Amino acid sequence: MIYADTSALVKRYLDEPFSADFEALLQQGAMAISRLGIVEMRCALARRRRNREITAVREGRVNSELAADIQGGALWVSDVHDEHFTAAYHLIGRLAEVPLRTLDALHLAVAEQIPATAFATADRTQAEAARALGFTVFDFS
């Protein structure tokens, strides 16, 4: 299964570089995300609305499209549990040379425990970490 972090997932809903590539990957089958990704997506959309990159109407539509993708089965949502936080803590130690951010480590921990075999991201540091963990990486950066 492919786990998509938020930096990749946003490409499904907003026209960005590599959006078509992400869409093609999604067409291959259901993709995993986490509840963390849903919250991060909401935050990313709100930031873009505040910066006037998208309208409030577009923000609402994207939130609805995301919900429809989840309900329709295109996206499978993993819960985030205490053990994911513990795993993220240890990941930061295992990948001591990679400057992982907190939430990126949490995404990787969820992906490892699903278990996903591939990881989609538009974040170069996270892609590096995913490769080091043995994931097949779809890099949209």
N, C-alpha and C. Protein backbone atom coordinates (compact mmCIF):
# COMPACT_ATOMS: atom_id res chain seq x y z
N MET A 1 0.84 -1.18 0.00
CA MET A 1 0.00 0.00 0.00
C MET A 1 0.89 1.24 0.00
N ILE A 2 0.42 2.27 -0.67
CA ILE A 2 1.14 3.56 -0.71
C ILE A 2 0.55 4.48 0.35
N TYR A 3 1.41 5.05 1.16
CA TYR A 3 1.01 6.06 2.14
C TYR A 3 1.36 7.43 1.54
N ALA A 4 0.40 8.35 1.57
CA ALA A 4 0.64 9.70 1.06
C ALA A 4 0.66 10.69 2.20
N ASP A 5 1.73 11.45 2.29
CA ASP A 5 1.75 12.53 3.27
C ASP A 5 1.01 13.73 2.66
N THR A 6 0.80 14.74 3.44
CA THR A 6 -0.01 15.88 3.03
C THR A 6 0.59 16.65 1.87
N SER A 7 1.91 16.76 1.84
CA SER A 7 2.55 17.52 0.76
C SER A 7 2.27 16.89 -0.60
N ALA A 8 2.10 15.59 -0.64
CA ALA A 8 1.73 14.91 -1.89
C ALA A 8 0.22 14.95 -2.10
N LEU A 9 -0.52 14.70 -1.05
CA LEU A 9 -1.98 14.64 -1.14
C LEU A 9 -2.60 15.92 -1.68
N VAL A 10 -2.06 17.06 -1.29
CA VAL A 10 -2.62 18.34 -1.73
C VAL A 10 -2.62 18.46 -3.25
N LYS A 11 -1.72 17.74 -3.90
CA LYS A 11 -1.63 17.78 -5.35
C LYS A 11 -2.86 17.18 -6.02
N ARG A 12 -3.60 16.37 -5.31
CA ARG A 12 -4.85 15.80 -5.82
C ARG A 12 -5.92 16.88 -5.97
N TYR A 13 -5.88 17.88 -5.14
CA TYR A 13 -6.98 18.84 -5.02
C TYR A 13 -6.66 20.23 -5.53
N LEU A 14 -5.40 20.58 -5.60
CA LEU A 14 -5.00 21.90 -6.09
C LEU A 14 -4.04 21.71 -7.26
N ASP A 15 -4.11 22.59 -8.22
CA ASP A 15 -3.26 22.49 -9.40
C ASP A 15 -1.85 22.96 -9.03
N GLU A 16 -0.94 22.00 -8.94
CA GLU A 16 0.44 22.25 -8.57
C GLU A 16 1.34 21.46 -9.51
N PRO A 17 2.64 21.77 -9.51
CA PRO A 17 3.56 20.90 -10.26
C PRO A 17 3.40 19.45 -9.76
N PHE A 18 3.41 18.53 -10.68
CA PHE A 18 3.30 17.09 -10.41
C PHE A 18 1.89 16.63 -10.01
N SER A 19 0.89 17.51 -10.11
CA SER A 19 -0.48 17.09 -9.79
C SER A 19 -0.93 15.94 -10.68
N ALA A 20 -0.64 16.01 -11.96
CA ALA A 20 -1.04 14.94 -12.88
C ALA A 20 -0.34 13.63 -12.53
N ASP A 21 0.92 13.71 -12.12
CA ASP A 21 1.66 12.52 -11.73
C ASP A 21 1.06 11.88 -10.47
N PHE A 22 0.68 12.72 -9.51
CA PHE A 22 0.06 12.19 -8.30
C PHE A 22 -1.28 11.54 -8.64
N GLU A 23 -2.05 12.20 -9.49
CA GLU A 23 -3.35 11.66 -9.90
C GLU A 23 -3.18 10.29 -10.56
N ALA A 24 -2.18 10.15 -11.41
CA ALA A 24 -1.92 8.86 -12.07
C ALA A 24 -1.58 7.79 -11.05
N LEU A 25 -0.82 8.14 -10.03
CA LEU A 25 -0.48 7.19 -8.97
C LEU A 25 -1.73 6.77 -8.21
N LEU A 26 -2.58 7.72 -7.89
CA LEU A 26 -3.81 7.43 -7.16
C LEU A 26 -4.72 6.51 -7.96
N GLN A 27 -4.71 6.63 -9.27
CA GLN A 27 -5.56 5.79 -10.12
C GLN A 27 -5.15 4.33 -10.08
N GLN A 28 -3.96 4.05 -9.58
CA GLN A 28 -3.49 2.66 -9.49
C GLN A 28 -4.15 1.89 -8.36
N GLY A 29 -4.80 2.59 -7.44
CA GLY A 29 -5.48 1.92 -6.34
C GLY A 29 -5.55 2.79 -5.11
N ALA A 30 -6.29 2.31 -4.12
CA ALA A 30 -6.48 3.08 -2.90
C ALA A 30 -5.14 3.43 -2.26
N MET A 31 -5.12 4.59 -1.64
CA MET A 31 -3.92 5.10 -1.01
C MET A 31 -4.24 5.32 0.47
N ALA A 32 -3.24 5.16 1.31
CA ALA A 32 -3.41 5.38 2.74
C ALA A 32 -2.99 6.80 3.12
N ILE A 33 -3.73 7.37 4.04
CA ILE A 33 -3.37 8.63 4.69
C ILE A 33 -3.65 8.43 6.18
N SER A 34 -3.38 9.42 6.98
CA SER A 34 -3.70 9.33 8.40
C SER A 34 -4.59 10.51 8.80
N ARG A 35 -5.15 10.39 9.97
CA ARG A 35 -5.96 11.51 10.50
C ARG A 35 -5.11 12.76 10.61
N LEU A 36 -3.83 12.59 10.86
CA LEU A 36 -2.90 13.72 10.88
C LEU A 36 -2.93 14.44 9.53
N GLY A 37 -2.93 13.68 8.45
CA GLY A 37 -2.97 14.27 7.12
C GLY A 37 -4.23 15.07 6.87
N ILE A 38 -5.34 14.61 7.41
CA ILE A 38 -6.60 15.34 7.24
C ILE A 38 -6.51 16.70 7.93
N VAL A 39 -5.96 16.72 9.13
CA VAL A 39 -5.81 17.98 9.86
C VAL A 39 -4.81 18.89 9.15
N GLU A 40 -3.70 18.32 8.70
CA GLU A 40 -2.70 19.13 7.98
C GLU A 40 -3.28 19.69 6.68
N MET A 41 -4.12 18.91 6.00
CA MET A 41 -4.75 19.38 4.77
C MET A 41 -5.66 20.58 5.07
N ARG A 42 -6.42 20.47 6.13
CA ARG A 42 -7.30 21.58 6.53
C ARG A 42 -6.49 22.83 6.80
N CYS A 43 -5.37 22.67 7.48
CA CYS A 43 -4.49 23.78 7.81
C CYS A 43 -3.88 24.39 6.55
N ALA A 44 -3.43 23.54 5.63
CA ALA A 44 -2.82 24.02 4.38
C ALA A 44 -3.83 24.81 3.55
N LEU A 45 -5.05 24.33 3.51
CA LEU A 45 -6.09 25.05 2.75
C LEU A 45 -6.41 26.39 3.40
N ALA A 46 -6.53 26.40 4.71
CA ALA A 46 -6.82 27.65 5.41
C ALA A 46 -5.70 28.67 5.20
N ARG A 47 -4.45 28.20 5.23
CA ARG A 47 -3.31 29.10 4.99
C ARG A 47 -3.38 29.68 3.58
N ARG A 48 -3.68 28.85 2.62
CA ARG A 48 -3.77 29.34 1.24
C ARG A 48 -4.93 30.31 1.05
N ARG A 49 -6.03 30.06 1.77
CA ARG A 49 -7.14 31.02 1.71
C ARG A 49 -6.72 32.35 2.33
N ARG A 50 -6.08 32.30 3.48
CA ARG A 50 -5.64 33.54 4.13
C ARG A 50 -4.65 34.31 3.26
N ASN A 51 -3.81 33.58 2.54
CA ASN A 51 -2.84 34.20 1.64
C ASN A 51 -3.43 34.58 0.28
N ARG A 52 -4.72 34.35 0.15
CA ARG A 52 -5.47 34.66 -1.07
C ARG A 52 -5.00 33.88 -2.29
N GLU A 53 -4.48 32.68 -2.04
CA GLU A 53 -4.10 31.79 -3.14
C GLU A 53 -5.30 30.99 -3.63
N ILE A 54 -6.27 30.76 -2.74
CA ILE A 54 -7.54 30.13 -3.10
C ILE A 54 -8.66 30.90 -2.41
N THR A 55 -9.87 30.73 -2.91
CA THR A 55 -11.04 31.39 -2.31
C THR A 55 -11.62 30.51 -1.21
N ALA A 56 -12.47 31.09 -0.41
CA ALA A 56 -13.17 30.32 0.62
C ALA A 56 -14.06 29.25 -0.02
N VAL A 57 -14.62 29.58 -1.17
CA VAL A 57 -15.45 28.60 -1.88
C VAL A 57 -14.59 27.40 -2.31
N ARG A 58 -13.42 27.66 -2.86
CA ARG A 58 -12.52 26.58 -3.28
C ARG A 58 -12.08 25.75 -2.07
N GLU A 59 -11.78 26.42 -0.97
CA GLU A 59 -11.40 25.72 0.26
C GLU A 59 -12.50 24.73 0.67
N GLY A 60 -13.74 25.20 0.66
CA GLY A 60 -14.86 24.34 1.01
C GLY A 60 -15.03 23.17 0.06
N ARG A 61 -14.85 23.44 -1.24
CA ARG A 61 -14.96 22.37 -2.24
C ARG A 61 -13.90 21.30 -2.03
N VAL A 62 -12.67 21.74 -1.77
CA VAL A 62 -11.59 20.78 -1.57
C VAL A 62 -11.85 19.93 -0.33
N ASN A 63 -12.31 20.55 0.73
CA ASN A 63 -12.64 19.77 1.93
C ASN A 63 -13.72 18.73 1.63
N SER A 64 -14.70 19.11 0.83
CA SER A 64 -15.76 18.17 0.43
C SER A 64 -15.21 17.07 -0.47
N GLU A 65 -14.32 17.42 -1.38
CA GLU A 65 -13.72 16.42 -2.28
C GLU A 65 -12.89 15.42 -1.48
N LEU A 66 -12.15 15.90 -0.50
CA LEU A 66 -11.36 15.01 0.35
C LEU A 66 -12.29 14.05 1.09
N ALA A 67 -13.35 14.57 1.67
CA ALA A 67 -14.31 13.72 2.38
C ALA A 67 -14.92 12.68 1.44
N ALA A 68 -15.23 13.09 0.22
CA ALA A 68 -15.81 12.15 -0.75
C ALA A 68 -14.80 11.06 -1.13
N ASP A 69 -13.53 11.41 -1.27
CA ASP A 69 -12.51 10.42 -1.58
C ASP A 69 -12.35 9.40 -0.45
N ILE A 70 -12.49 9.88 0.78
CA ILE A 70 -12.41 8.98 1.93
C ILE A 70 -13.64 8.07 1.96
N GLN A 71 -14.80 8.66 1.83
CA GLN A 71 -16.04 7.86 1.86
C GLN A 71 -16.12 6.90 0.68
N GLY A 72 -15.59 7.30 -0.46
CA GLY A 72 -15.64 6.46 -1.65
C GLY A 72 -14.57 5.39 -1.71
N GLY A 73 -13.61 5.42 -0.79
CA GLY A 73 -12.60 4.38 -0.72
C GLY A 73 -11.31 4.66 -1.49
N ALA A 74 -11.20 5.81 -2.14
CA ALA A 74 -9.95 6.14 -2.83
C ALA A 74 -8.83 6.38 -1.83
N LEU A 75 -9.21 6.84 -0.65
CA LEU A 75 -8.25 7.08 0.43
C LEU A 75 -8.68 6.28 1.66
N TRP A 76 -7.73 5.52 2.20
CA TRP A 76 -7.97 4.78 3.42
C TRP A 76 -7.29 5.55 4.55
N VAL A 77 -8.03 5.81 5.63
CA VAL A 77 -7.52 6.64 6.72
C VAL A 77 -7.10 5.79 7.92
N SER A 78 -5.85 5.96 8.31
CA SER A 78 -5.34 5.30 9.52
C SER A 78 -5.50 6.24 10.70
N ASP A 79 -5.92 5.70 11.80
CA ASP A 79 -5.92 6.46 13.04
C ASP A 79 -4.48 6.68 13.48
N VAL A 80 -4.29 7.64 14.36
CA VAL A 80 -2.97 7.89 14.96
C VAL A 80 -3.10 7.56 16.44
N HIS A 81 -2.27 6.64 16.90
CA HIS A 81 -2.35 6.16 18.27
C HIS A 81 -1.07 6.48 19.05
N ASP A 82 -1.12 6.25 20.33
CA ASP A 82 0.05 6.50 21.18
C ASP A 82 1.29 5.79 20.66
N GLU A 83 1.13 4.56 20.16
CA GLU A 83 2.30 3.82 19.68
C GLU A 83 2.94 4.49 18.47
N HIS A 84 2.18 5.25 17.71
CA HIS A 84 2.75 5.98 16.58
C HIS A 84 3.67 7.10 17.07
N PHE A 85 3.29 7.74 18.16
CA PHE A 85 4.15 8.79 18.72
C PHE A 85 5.45 8.18 19.25
N THR A 86 5.33 7.03 19.90
CA THR A 86 6.53 6.34 20.39
C THR A 86 7.42 5.93 19.23
N ALA A 87 6.80 5.39 18.18
CA ALA A 87 7.57 4.98 17.00
C ALA A 87 8.24 6.19 16.34
N ALA A 88 7.54 7.31 16.27
CA ALA A 88 8.12 8.53 15.68
C ALA A 88 9.32 8.99 16.51
N TYR A 89 9.20 8.92 17.80
CA TYR A 89 10.30 9.28 18.70
C TYR A 89 11.54 8.44 18.36
N HIS A 90 11.34 7.15 18.20
CA HIS A 90 12.47 6.26 17.90
C HIS A 90 12.98 6.44 16.47
N LEU A 91 12.10 6.78 15.55
CA LEU A 91 12.53 7.04 14.17
C LEU A 91 13.53 8.18 14.11
N ILE A 92 13.28 9.20 14.88
CA ILE A 92 14.18 10.36 14.91
C ILE A 92 15.58 9.92 15.34
N GLY A 93 15.65 8.98 16.26
CA GLY A 93 16.95 8.43 16.66
C GLY A 93 17.55 7.52 15.61
N ARG A 94 16.72 6.67 15.00
CA ARG A 94 17.21 5.76 13.95
C ARG A 94 17.75 6.52 12.75
N LEU A 95 17.15 7.65 12.46
CA LEU A 95 17.55 8.46 11.30
C LEU A 95 18.21 9.74 11.77
N ALA A 96 19.16 9.60 12.66
CA ALA A 96 19.77 10.75 13.34
C ALA A 96 20.39 11.76 12.38
N GLU A 97 20.82 11.33 11.21
CA GLU A 97 21.46 12.25 10.26
C GLU A 97 20.46 12.96 9.36
N VAL A 98 19.19 12.57 9.42
CA VAL A 98 18.15 13.20 8.59
C VAL A 98 17.42 14.22 9.46
N PRO A 99 17.34 15.48 9.04
CA PRO A 99 16.68 16.49 9.87
C PRO A 99 15.15 16.41 9.81
N LEU A 100 14.62 15.32 10.35
CA LEU A 100 13.17 15.10 10.34
C LEU A 100 12.44 16.08 11.25
N ARG A 101 11.34 16.58 10.75
CA ARG A 101 10.45 17.39 11.58
C ARG A 101 9.47 16.45 12.30
N THR A 102 8.90 16.93 13.37
CA THR A 102 8.03 16.13 14.23
C THR A 102 6.92 15.44 13.45
N LEU A 103 6.13 16.20 12.72
CA LEU A 103 4.99 15.61 12.05
C LEU A 103 5.40 14.70 10.89
N ASP A 104 6.54 14.98 10.28
CA ASP A 104 7.05 14.09 9.23
C ASP A 104 7.42 12.74 9.83
N ALA A 105 8.04 12.75 11.00
CA ALA A 105 8.38 11.50 11.69
C ALA A 105 7.11 10.73 12.03
N LEU A 106 6.07 11.45 12.42
CA LEU A 106 4.80 10.80 12.76
C LEU A 106 4.16 10.16 11.52
N HIS A 107 4.18 10.87 10.38
CA HIS A 107 3.67 10.27 9.14
C HIS A 107 4.43 8.99 8.81
N LEU A 108 5.74 9.02 8.92
CA LEU A 108 6.56 7.85 8.61
C LEU A 108 6.27 6.70 9.58
N ALA A 109 6.06 7.02 10.83
CA ALA A 109 5.75 5.99 11.82
C ALA A 109 4.42 5.31 11.50
N VAL A 110 3.43 6.10 11.13
CA VAL A 110 2.14 5.52 10.75
C VAL A 110 2.32 4.63 9.52
N ALA A 111 3.05 5.13 8.53
CA ALA A 111 3.26 4.36 7.30
C ALA A 111 3.95 3.03 7.60
N GLU A 112 4.94 3.04 8.47
CA GLU A 112 5.65 1.80 8.82
C GLU A 112 4.72 0.80 9.48
N GLN A 113 3.83 1.28 10.32
CA GLN A 113 3.01 0.37 11.10
C GLN A 113 1.74 -0.07 10.40
N ILE A 114 1.40 0.51 9.25
CA ILE A 114 0.18 0.09 8.54
C ILE A 114 0.23 -1.38 8.13
N PRO A 115 1.17 -1.94 7.52
CA PRO A 115 2.41 -1.42 6.96
C PRO A 115 2.25 -1.05 5.49
N ALA A 116 2.75 0.13 5.14
CA ALA A 116 2.83 0.55 3.74
C ALA A 116 4.14 0.04 3.16
N THR A 117 4.17 -0.10 1.86
CA THR A 117 5.42 -0.49 1.19
C THR A 117 6.00 0.68 0.41
N ALA A 118 5.18 1.71 0.19
CA ALA A 118 5.62 2.88 -0.57
C ALA A 118 5.14 4.14 0.13
N PHE A 119 5.83 5.23 -0.17
CA PHE A 119 5.56 6.51 0.50
C PHE A 119 5.57 7.60 -0.56
N ALA A 120 4.51 8.40 -0.61
CA ALA A 120 4.41 9.51 -1.54
C ALA A 120 4.56 10.82 -0.78
N THR A 121 5.44 11.68 -1.26
CA THR A 121 5.69 12.95 -0.60
C THR A 121 6.21 13.98 -1.60
N ALA A 122 6.06 15.24 -1.25
CA ALA A 122 6.66 16.33 -2.03
C ALA A 122 7.71 17.05 -1.19
N ASP A 123 8.17 16.38 -0.16
CA ASP A 123 9.15 16.94 0.78
C ASP A 123 10.44 16.14 0.63
N ARG A 124 11.51 16.81 0.21
CA ARG A 124 12.77 16.11 -0.07
C ARG A 124 13.37 15.43 1.16
N THR A 125 13.29 16.09 2.30
CA THR A 125 13.83 15.50 3.52
C THR A 125 13.03 14.26 3.91
N GLN A 126 11.74 14.36 3.80
CA GLN A 126 10.90 13.21 4.14
C GLN A 126 11.13 12.06 3.15
N ALA A 127 11.33 12.40 1.88
CA ALA A 127 11.65 11.37 0.88
C ALA A 127 12.95 10.66 1.24
N GLU A 128 13.95 11.43 1.66
CA GLU A 128 15.22 10.84 2.08
C GLU A 128 15.02 9.89 3.24
N ALA A 129 14.23 10.31 4.22
CA ALA A 129 13.97 9.46 5.38
C ALA A 129 13.20 8.20 4.98
N ALA A 130 12.22 8.35 4.11
CA ALA A 130 11.43 7.19 3.66
C ALA A 130 12.31 6.19 2.93
N ARG A 131 13.21 6.68 2.10
CA ARG A 131 14.15 5.78 1.40
C ARG A 131 15.03 5.03 2.41
N ALA A 132 15.51 5.76 3.41
CA ALA A 132 16.37 5.15 4.43
C ALA A 132 15.62 4.06 5.20
N LEU A 133 14.30 4.19 5.29
CA LEU A 133 13.49 3.19 5.99
C LEU A 133 13.10 2.03 5.08
N GLY A 134 13.47 2.11 3.81
CA GLY A 134 13.20 1.01 2.89
C GLY A 134 11.93 1.13 2.07
N PHE A 135 11.26 2.26 2.16
CA PHE A 135 10.07 2.47 1.34
C PHE A 135 10.44 2.70 -0.12
N THR A 136 9.59 2.27 -1.02
CA THR A 136 9.63 2.77 -2.39
C THR A 136 9.08 4.18 -2.31
N VAL A 137 9.78 5.15 -2.84
CA VAL A 137 9.37 6.56 -2.67
C VAL A 137 8.89 7.13 -4.00
N PHE A 138 7.73 7.76 -3.94
CA PHE A 138 7.20 8.56 -5.03
C PHE A 138 7.40 10.01 -4.63
N ASP A 139 8.39 10.65 -5.23
CA ASP A 139 8.81 11.99 -4.85
C ASP A 139 8.22 13.01 -5.82
N PHE A 140 7.36 13.87 -5.30
CA PHE A 140 6.69 14.89 -6.12
C PHE A 140 7.24 16.28 -5.85
N SER A 141 8.51 16.35 -5.43
CA SER A 141 9.10 17.67 -5.14
C SER A 141 9.81 18.23 -6.35
